[in-house]
Structure formats: C-alpha cells, structure tokens
Amino acid sequence: MLGLAVDSGTIRKWCHLVRSSPKIGPCREGPYAKGGVEPRLEDLLNDPVIQAILRCDRVSPNALRSLIDDARTSLKSRQFRM
C-alpha cells in the first residue's frame, strides 16, 4: 500500500479552491464574444497561433483550405440526396 504524507491545511485549501464556484467576469465585447458566431475561415487562417500550429504540423494554409472546401462540397452533395 502506498502512503502519502500531506499537510492537512494544504488539503483544506485545495478542496476549497476546487469547490468554489467560478467567478463571472465582465461581458466580453468583440466580433466572436457571443455563442453561435463563428469566425470566417480566412480570419482563422490569418491568426498567428493557427499559423504556428500549421507550421509545426507541416500543413500549408492552402492545403487546409482545399481540404475544407472538399469536405464542404461532399457534405452539400449528401444533403441533396436525402
């Protein structure tokens, strides 16, 4: 059996932090601050974080754009068959 020596005061503080309700901050403003609003694909592809991830994964923005366009076309053709 494994044993763990822990200060009981630390456990109480940790449990208090876990159980506390999340604080509701001020309402955010901006084009995508409300649910249901999605950014345009070009806005996402121009985002520096997305560009860094694409570089890390060795994916070009054009290749991703092409993949998404193909998926859109495929999904649209399936809707009309039903």
PDB file of N, CA and C in Angstrom:
ATOM      1  N   MET A   1       0.841  -1.170   0.000  1.00  0.00           N
ATOM      2  CA  MET A   1       0.000   0.000   0.000  1.00  0.00           C
ATOM      3  C   MET A   1       0.890   1.237   0.000  1.00  0.00           C
ATOM      4  N   LEU A   2       0.480   2.219  -0.784  1.00  0.00           N
ATOM      5  CA  LEU A   2       1.237   3.455  -0.850  1.00  0.00           C
ATOM      6  C   LEU A   2       0.750   4.428   0.209  1.00  0.00           C
ATOM      7  N   GLY A   3       1.673   5.124   0.784  1.00  0.00           N
ATOM      8  CA  GLY A   3       1.311   6.137   1.768  1.00  0.00           C
ATOM      9  C   GLY A   3       1.690   7.510   1.252  1.00  0.00           C
ATOM     10  N   LEU A   4       0.976   8.537   1.695  1.00  0.00           N
ATOM     11  CA  LEU A   4       1.261   9.886   1.259  1.00  0.00           C
ATOM     12  C   LEU A   4       1.167  10.808   2.459  1.00  0.00           C
ATOM     13  N   ALA A   5       2.259  11.490   2.747  1.00  0.00           N
ATOM     14  CA  ALA A   5       2.268  12.434   3.865  1.00  0.00           C
ATOM     15  C   ALA A   5       1.944  13.818   3.323  1.00  0.00           C
ATOM     16  N   VAL A   6       0.812  14.354   3.767  1.00  0.00           N
ATOM     17  CA  VAL A   6       0.378  15.666   3.287  1.00  0.00           C
ATOM     18  C   VAL A   6      -0.094  16.491   4.462  1.00  0.00           C
ATOM     19  N   ASP A   7       0.232  17.764   4.424  1.00  0.00           N
ATOM     20  CA  ASP A   7      -0.238  18.689   5.452  1.00  0.00           C
ATOM     21  C   ASP A   7      -1.741  18.870   5.295  1.00  0.00           C
ATOM     22  N   SER A   8      -2.504  18.633   6.345  1.00  0.00           N
ATOM     23  CA  SER A   8      -3.965  18.711   6.249  1.00  0.00           C
ATOM     24  C   SER A   8      -4.432  20.121   5.906  1.00  0.00           C
ATOM     25  N   GLY A   9      -3.699  21.128   6.287  1.00  0.00           N
ATOM     26  CA  GLY A   9      -4.065  22.502   5.940  1.00  0.00           C
ATOM     27  C   GLY A   9      -4.006  22.728   4.440  1.00  0.00           C
ATOM     28  N   THR A  10      -3.039  22.110   3.801  1.00  0.00           N
ATOM     29  CA  THR A  10      -2.912  22.234   2.351  1.00  0.00           C
ATOM     30  C   THR A  10      -4.097  21.584   1.661  1.00  0.00           C
ATOM     31  N   ILE A  11      -4.515  20.431   2.154  1.00  0.00           N
ATOM     32  CA  ILE A  11      -5.652  19.723   1.561  1.00  0.00           C
ATOM     33  C   ILE A  11      -6.914  20.576   1.684  1.00  0.00           C
ATOM     34  N   ARG A  12      -7.132  21.165   2.846  1.00  0.00           N
ATOM     35  CA  ARG A  12      -8.324  22.002   3.033  1.00  0.00           C
ATOM     36  C   ARG A  12      -8.317  23.172   2.055  1.00  0.00           C
ATOM     37  N   LYS A  13      -7.172  23.820   1.887  1.00  0.00           N
ATOM     38  CA  LYS A  13      -7.089  24.942   0.957  1.00  0.00           C
ATOM     39  C   LYS A  13      -7.372  24.466  -0.461  1.00  0.00           C
ATOM     40  N   TRP A  14      -6.805  23.338  -0.853  1.00  0.00           N
ATOM     41  CA  TRP A  14      -7.004  22.809  -2.205  1.00  0.00           C
ATOM     42  C   TRP A  14      -8.468  22.465  -2.438  1.00  0.00           C
ATOM     43  N   CYS A  15      -9.106  21.793  -1.472  1.00  0.00           N
ATOM     44  CA  CYS A  15     -10.516  21.431  -1.606  1.00  0.00           C
ATOM     45  C   CYS A  15     -11.381  22.674  -1.712  1.00  0.00           C
ATOM     46  N   HIS A  16     -11.047  23.704  -0.956  1.00  0.00           N
ATOM     47  CA  HIS A  16     -11.814  24.941  -1.020  1.00  0.00           C
ATOM     48  C   HIS A  16     -11.720  25.549  -2.422  1.00  0.00           C
ATOM     49  N   LEU A  17     -10.545  25.519  -3.005  1.00  0.00           N
ATOM     50  CA  LEU A  17     -10.369  26.079  -4.348  1.00  0.00           C
ATOM     51  C   LEU A  17     -11.154  25.279  -5.379  1.00  0.00           C
ATOM     52  N   VAL A  18     -11.166  23.975  -5.240  1.00  0.00           N
ATOM     53  CA  VAL A  18     -11.860  23.128  -6.206  1.00  0.00           C
ATOM     54  C   VAL A  18     -13.360  23.315  -6.107  1.00  0.00           C
ATOM     55  N   ARG A  19     -13.879  23.476  -4.911  1.00  0.00           N
ATOM     56  CA  ARG A  19     -15.322  23.564  -4.703  1.00  0.00           C
ATOM     57  C   ARG A  19     -15.894  24.949  -4.963  1.00  0.00           C
ATOM     58  N   SER A  20     -15.055  25.959  -5.015  1.00  0.00           N
ATOM     59  CA  SER A  20     -15.596  27.300  -5.183  1.00  0.00           C
ATOM     60  C   SER A  20     -16.198  27.465  -6.573  1.00  0.00           C
ATOM     61  N   SER A  21     -17.249  28.260  -6.641  1.00  0.00           N
ATOM     62  CA  SER A  21     -17.920  28.461  -7.924  1.00  0.00           C
ATOM     63  C   SER A  21     -17.086  29.401  -8.787  1.00  0.00           C
ATOM     64  N   PRO A  22     -17.192  29.245 -10.104  1.00  0.00           N
ATOM     65  CA  PRO A  22     -16.405  30.112 -10.980  1.00  0.00           C
ATOM     66  C   PRO A  22     -16.899  31.546 -10.892  1.00  0.00           C
ATOM     67  N   LYS A  23     -15.960  32.474 -10.988  1.00  0.00           N
ATOM     68  CA  LYS A  23     -16.322  33.882 -10.960  1.00  0.00           C
ATOM     69  C   LYS A  23     -16.768  34.296 -12.351  1.00  0.00           C
ATOM     70  N   ILE A  24     -17.829  35.035 -12.395  1.00  0.00           N
ATOM     71  CA  ILE A  24     -18.328  35.525 -13.671  1.00  0.00           C
ATOM     72  C   ILE A  24     -17.730  36.897 -13.895  1.00  0.00           C
ATOM     73  N   GLY A  25     -16.957  37.018 -14.960  1.00  0.00           N
ATOM     74  CA  GLY A  25     -16.289  38.272 -15.257  1.00  0.00           C
ATOM     75  C   GLY A  25     -17.187  39.194 -16.057  1.00  0.00           C
ATOM     76  N   PRO A  26     -16.655  40.338 -16.390  1.00  0.00           N
ATOM     77  CA  PRO A  26     -17.433  41.278 -17.189  1.00  0.00           C
ATOM     78  C   PRO A  26     -17.704  40.710 -18.576  1.00  0.00           C
ATOM     79  N   CYS A  27     -18.780  41.142 -19.180  1.00  0.00           N
ATOM     80  CA  CYS A  27     -19.163  40.672 -20.509  1.00  0.00           C
ATOM     81  C   CYS A  27     -18.083  41.082 -21.507  1.00  0.00           C
ATOM     82  N   ARG A  28     -17.636  40.124 -22.300  1.00  0.00           N
ATOM     83  CA  ARG A  28     -16.622  40.424 -23.302  1.00  0.00           C
ATOM     84  C   ARG A  28     -17.270  41.062 -24.520  1.00  0.00           C
ATOM     85  N   GLU A  29     -16.558  41.937 -25.132  1.00  0.00           N
ATOM     86  CA  GLU A  29     -17.016  42.574 -26.358  1.00  0.00           C
ATOM     87  C   GLU A  29     -16.130  42.100 -27.498  1.00  0.00           C
ATOM     88  N   GLY A  30     -16.650  42.076 -28.672  1.00  0.00           N
ATOM     89  CA  GLY A  30     -15.865  41.697 -29.832  1.00  0.00           C
ATOM     90  C   GLY A  30     -16.712  40.927 -30.810  1.00  0.00           C
ATOM     91  N   PRO A  31     -16.176  40.687 -31.997  1.00  0.00           N
ATOM     92  CA  PRO A  31     -16.981  40.047 -33.034  1.00  0.00           C
ATOM     93  C   PRO A  31     -17.394  38.610 -32.714  1.00  0.00           C
ATOM     94  N   TYR A  32     -16.635  37.895 -31.884  1.00  0.00           N
ATOM     95  CA  TYR A  32     -16.941  36.490 -31.607  1.00  0.00           C
ATOM     96  C   TYR A  32     -17.224  36.257 -30.130  1.00  0.00           C
ATOM     97  N   ALA A  33     -17.639  37.295 -29.410  1.00  0.00           N
ATOM     98  CA  ALA A  33     -17.852  37.191 -27.964  1.00  0.00           C
ATOM     99  C   ALA A  33     -19.120  36.423 -27.620  1.00  0.00           C
ATOM    100  N   LYS A  34     -20.074  36.356 -28.523  1.00  0.00           N
ATOM    101  CA  LYS A  34     -21.328  35.657 -28.243  1.00  0.00           C
ATOM    102  C   LYS A  34     -21.314  34.285 -28.886  1.00  0.00           C
ATOM    103  N   GLY A  35     -21.953  33.329 -28.222  1.00  0.00           N
ATOM    104  CA  GLY A  35     -22.031  31.979 -28.745  1.00  0.00           C
ATOM    105  C   GLY A  35     -22.783  31.912 -30.061  1.00  0.00           C
ATOM    106  N   GLY A  36     -22.386  30.982 -30.910  1.00  0.00           N
ATOM    107  CA  GLY A  36     -23.065  30.793 -32.180  1.00  0.00           C
ATOM    108  C   GLY A  36     -22.470  31.599 -33.316  1.00  0.00           C
ATOM    109  N   VAL A  37     -21.602  32.545 -33.010  1.00  0.00           N
ATOM    110  CA  VAL A  37     -20.967  33.351 -34.050  1.00  0.00           C
ATOM    111  C   VAL A  37     -19.604  32.727 -34.334  1.00  0.00           C
ATOM    112  N   GLU A  38     -19.385  32.332 -35.570  1.00  0.00           N
ATOM    113  CA  GLU A  38     -18.126  31.697 -35.935  1.00  0.00           C
ATOM    114  C   GLU A  38     -17.280  32.626 -36.789  1.00  0.00           C
ATOM    115  N   PRO A  39     -15.973  32.589 -36.574  1.00  0.00           N
ATOM    116  CA  PRO A  39     -15.098  33.409 -37.410  1.00  0.00           C
ATOM    117  C   PRO A  39     -15.031  32.849 -38.829  1.00  0.00           C
ATOM    118  N   ARG A  40     -14.712  33.712 -39.776  1.00  0.00           N
ATOM    119  CA  ARG A  40     -14.526  33.259 -41.152  1.00  0.00           C
ATOM    120  C   ARG A  40     -13.252  32.410 -41.223  1.00  0.00           C
ATOM    121  N   LEU A  41     -13.203  31.513 -42.182  1.00  0.00           N
ATOM    122  CA  LEU A  41     -12.041  30.653 -42.356  1.00  0.00           C
ATOM    123  C   LEU A  41     -10.779  31.483 -42.560  1.00  0.00           C
ATOM    124  N   GLU A  42     -10.875  32.539 -43.361  1.00  0.00           N
ATOM    125  CA  GLU A  42      -9.705  33.384 -43.609  1.00  0.00           C
ATOM    126  C   GLU A  42      -9.201  34.045 -42.328  1.00  0.00           C
ATOM    127  N   ASP A  43     -10.128  34.439 -41.436  1.00  0.00           N
ATOM    128  CA  ASP A  43      -9.715  35.016 -40.157  1.00  0.00           C
ATOM    129  C   ASP A  43      -8.941  33.989 -39.335  1.00  0.00           C
ATOM    130  N   LEU A  44      -9.407  32.752 -39.340  1.00  0.00           N
ATOM    131  CA  LEU A  44      -8.705  31.696 -38.604  1.00  0.00           C
ATOM    132  C   LEU A  44      -7.334  31.415 -39.202  1.00  0.00           C
ATOM    133  N   LEU A  45      -7.276  31.327 -40.522  1.00  0.00           N
ATOM    134  CA  LEU A  45      -6.001  31.014 -41.173  1.00  0.00           C
ATOM    135  C   LEU A  45      -4.991  32.149 -41.035  1.00  0.00           C
ATOM    136  N   ASN A  46      -5.454  33.367 -40.799  1.00  0.00           N
ATOM    137  CA  ASN A  46      -4.549  34.504 -40.604  1.00  0.00           C
ATOM    138  C   ASN A  46      -4.146  34.698 -39.153  1.00  0.00           C
ATOM    139  N   ASP A  47      -4.715  33.898 -38.251  1.00  0.00           N
ATOM    140  CA  ASP A  47      -4.388  34.002 -36.831  1.00  0.00           C
ATOM    141  C   ASP A  47      -2.968  33.476 -36.587  1.00  0.00           C
ATOM    142  N   PRO A  48      -2.127  34.212 -35.855  1.00  0.00           N
ATOM    143  CA  PRO A  48      -0.737  33.786 -35.622  1.00  0.00           C
ATOM    144  C   PRO A  48      -0.619  32.439 -34.909  1.00  0.00           C
ATOM    145  N   VAL A  49      -1.533  32.135 -33.997  1.00  0.00           N
ATOM    146  CA  VAL A  49      -1.468  30.856 -33.286  1.00  0.00           C
ATOM    147  C   VAL A  49      -1.767  29.710 -34.250  1.00  0.00           C
ATOM    148  N   ILE A  50      -2.792  29.873 -35.076  1.00  0.00           N
ATOM    149  CA  ILE A  50      -3.130  28.843 -36.059  1.00  0.00           C
ATOM    150  C   ILE A  50      -1.975  28.669 -37.041  1.00  0.00           C
ATOM    151  N   GLN A  51      -1.372  29.764 -37.467  1.00  0.00           N
ATOM    152  CA  GLN A  51      -0.241  29.673 -38.393  1.00  0.00           C
ATOM    153  C   GLN A  51       0.921  28.911 -37.768  1.00  0.00           C
ATOM    154  N   ALA A  52       1.182  29.140 -36.488  1.00  0.00           N
ATOM    155  CA  ALA A  52       2.257  28.416 -35.796  1.00  0.00           C
ATOM    156  C   ALA A  52       1.944  26.921 -35.724  1.00  0.00           C
ATOM    157  N   ILE A  53       0.694  26.581 -35.443  1.00  0.00           N
ATOM    158  CA  ILE A  53       0.300  25.166 -35.370  1.00  0.00           C
ATOM    159  C   ILE A  53       0.436  24.513 -36.743  1.00  0.00           C
ATOM    160  N   LEU A  54       0.009  25.213 -37.788  1.00  0.00           N
ATOM    161  CA  LEU A  54       0.130  24.669 -39.145  1.00  0.00           C
ATOM    162  C   LEU A  54       1.596  24.438 -39.506  1.00  0.00           C
ATOM    163  N   ARG A  55       2.453  25.399 -39.167  1.00  0.00           N
ATOM    164  CA  ARG A  55       3.892  25.225 -39.444  1.00  0.00           C
ATOM    165  C   ARG A  55       4.445  24.028 -38.700  1.00  0.00           C
ATOM    166  N   CYS A  56       4.071  23.891 -37.429  1.00  0.00           N
ATOM    167  CA  CYS A  56       4.547  22.772 -36.604  1.00  0.00           C
ATOM    168  C   CYS A  56       4.099  21.432 -37.186  1.00  0.00           C
ATOM    169  N   ASP A  57       2.871  21.397 -37.705  1.00  0.00           N
ATOM    170  CA  ASP A  57       2.328  20.171 -38.288  1.00  0.00           C
ATOM    171  C   ASP A  57       2.683  20.003 -39.761  1.00  0.00           C
ATOM    172  N   ARG A  58       3.427  20.961 -40.294  1.00  0.00           N
ATOM    173  CA  ARG A  58       3.848  20.946 -41.705  1.00  0.00           C
ATOM    174  C   ARG A  58       2.650  20.863 -42.658  1.00  0.00           C
ATOM    175  N   VAL A  59       1.658  21.711 -42.367  1.00  0.00           N
ATOM    176  CA  VAL A  59       0.463  21.802 -43.205  1.00  0.00           C
ATOM    177  C   VAL A  59       0.403  23.224 -43.744  1.00  0.00           C
ATOM    178  N   SER A  60       0.235  23.351 -45.037  1.00  0.00           N
ATOM    179  CA  SER A  60       0.139  24.686 -45.614  1.00  0.00           C
ATOM    180  C   SER A  60      -1.302  25.187 -45.490  1.00  0.00           C
ATOM    181  N   PRO A  61      -1.479  26.489 -45.349  1.00  0.00           N
ATOM    182  CA  PRO A  61      -2.847  27.032 -45.298  1.00  0.00           C
ATOM    183  C   PRO A  61      -3.647  26.670 -46.554  1.00  0.00           C
ATOM    184  N   ASN A  62      -2.995  26.638 -47.708  1.00  0.00           N
ATOM    185  CA  ASN A  62      -3.694  26.281 -48.946  1.00  0.00           C
ATOM    186  C   ASN A  62      -4.167  24.833 -48.931  1.00  0.00           C
ATOM    187  N   ALA A  63      -3.358  23.930 -48.385  1.00  0.00           N
ATOM    188  CA  ALA A  63      -3.753  22.525 -48.300  1.00  0.00           C
ATOM    189  C   ALA A  63      -4.949  22.369 -47.356  1.00  0.00           C
ATOM    190  N   LEU A  64      -4.937  23.078 -46.245  1.00  0.00           N
ATOM    191  CA  LEU A  64      -6.049  23.009 -45.300  1.00  0.00           C
ATOM    192  C   LEU A  64      -7.305  23.616 -45.922  1.00  0.00           C
ATOM    193  N   ARG A  65      -7.145  24.751 -46.596  1.00  0.00           N
ATOM    194  CA  ARG A  65      -8.281  25.394 -47.267  1.00  0.00           C
ATOM    195  C   ARG A  65      -8.900  24.446 -48.294  1.00  0.00           C
ATOM    196  N   SER A  66      -8.060  23.763 -49.064  1.00  0.00           N
ATOM    197  CA  SER A  66      -8.527  22.815 -50.074  1.00  0.00           C
ATOM    198  C   SER A  66      -9.278  21.640 -49.431  1.00  0.00           C
ATOM    199  N   LEU A  67      -8.743  21.122 -48.345  1.00  0.00           N
ATOM    200  CA  LEU A  67      -9.392  20.024 -47.622  1.00  0.00           C
ATOM    201  C   LEU A  67     -10.768  20.441 -47.119  1.00  0.00           C
ATOM    202  N   ILE A  68     -10.852  21.638 -46.560  1.00  0.00           N
ATOM    203  CA  ILE A  68     -12.132  22.134 -46.044  1.00  0.00           C
ATOM    204  C   ILE A  68     -13.124  22.345 -47.180  1.00  0.00           C
ATOM    205  N   ASP A  69     -12.659  22.893 -48.299  1.00  0.00           N
ATOM    206  CA  ASP A  69     -13.543  23.084 -49.463  1.00  0.00           C
ATOM    207  C   ASP A  69     -14.073  21.753 -49.984  1.00  0.00           C
ATOM    208  N   ASP A  70     -13.211  20.742 -50.041  1.00  0.00           N
ATOM    209  CA  ASP A  70     -13.643  19.410 -50.480  1.00  0.00           C
ATOM    210  C   ASP A  70     -14.679  18.821 -49.525  1.00  0.00           C
ATOM    211  N   ALA A  71     -14.464  19.011 -48.222  1.00  0.00           N
ATOM    212  CA  ALA A  71     -15.418  18.498 -47.231  1.00  0.00           C
ATOM    213  C   ALA A  71     -16.765  19.209 -47.355  1.00  0.00           C
ATOM    214  N   ARG A  72     -16.723  20.520 -47.566  1.00  0.00           N
ATOM    215  CA  ARG A  72     -17.975  21.273 -47.754  1.00  0.00           C
ATOM    216  C   ARG A  72     -18.747  20.755 -48.958  1.00  0.00           C
ATOM    217  N   THR A  73     -18.032  20.564 -50.067  1.00  0.00           N
ATOM    218  CA  THR A  73     -18.670  20.074 -51.290  1.00  0.00           C
ATOM    219  C   THR A  73     -19.285  18.705 -51.063  1.00  0.00           C
ATOM    220  N   SER A  74     -18.557  17.835 -50.400  1.00  0.00           N
ATOM    221  CA  SER A  74     -19.050  16.486 -50.123  1.00  0.00           C
ATOM    222  C   SER A  74     -20.300  16.521 -49.238  1.00  0.00           C
ATOM    223  N   LEU A  75     -20.264  17.366 -48.195  1.00  0.00           N
ATOM    224  CA  LEU A  75     -21.421  17.454 -47.291  1.00  0.00           C
ATOM    225  C   LEU A  75     -22.639  18.044 -47.993  1.00  0.00           C
ATOM    226  N   LYS A  76     -22.426  19.026 -48.849  1.00  0.00           N
ATOM    227  CA  LYS A  76     -23.550  19.625 -49.582  1.00  0.00           C
ATOM    228  C   LYS A  76     -24.179  18.613 -50.527  1.00  0.00           C
ATOM    229  N   SER A  77     -23.364  17.791 -51.179  1.00  0.00           N
ATOM    230  CA  SER A  77     -23.927  16.796 -52.103  1.00  0.00           C
ATOM    231  C   SER A  77     -24.716  15.729 -51.347  1.00  0.00           C
ATOM    232  N   ARG A  78     -24.333  15.416 -50.128  1.00  0.00           N
ATOM    233  CA  ARG A  78     -25.068  14.435 -49.321  1.00  0.00           C
ATOM    234  C   ARG A  78     -26.416  14.989 -48.888  1.00  0.00           C
ATOM    235  N   GLN A  79     -26.528  16.281 -48.637  1.00  0.00           N
ATOM    236  CA  GLN A  79     -27.799  16.869 -48.221  1.00  0.00           C
ATOM    237  C   GLN A  79     -28.856  16.724 -49.316  1.00  0.00           C
ATOM    238  N   PHE A  80     -28.466  16.912 -50.551  1.00  0.00           N
ATOM    239  CA  PHE A  80     -29.427  16.880 -51.642  1.00  0.00           C
ATOM    240  C   PHE A  80     -29.895  15.470 -51.959  1.00  0.00           C
ATOM    241  N   ARG A  81     -29.127  14.451 -51.589  1.00  0.00           N
ATOM    242  CA  ARG A  81     -29.531  13.055 -51.855  1.00  0.00           C
ATOM    243  C   ARG A  81     -30.614  12.599 -50.895  1.00  0.00           C
ATOM    244  N   MET A  82     -30.714  13.192 -49.744  1.00  0.00           N
ATOM    245  CA  MET A  82     -31.665  12.719 -48.724  1.00  0.00           C
ATOM    246  C   MET A  82     -33.071  13.140 -49.009  1.00  0.00           C
TER     247      MET A  82
END
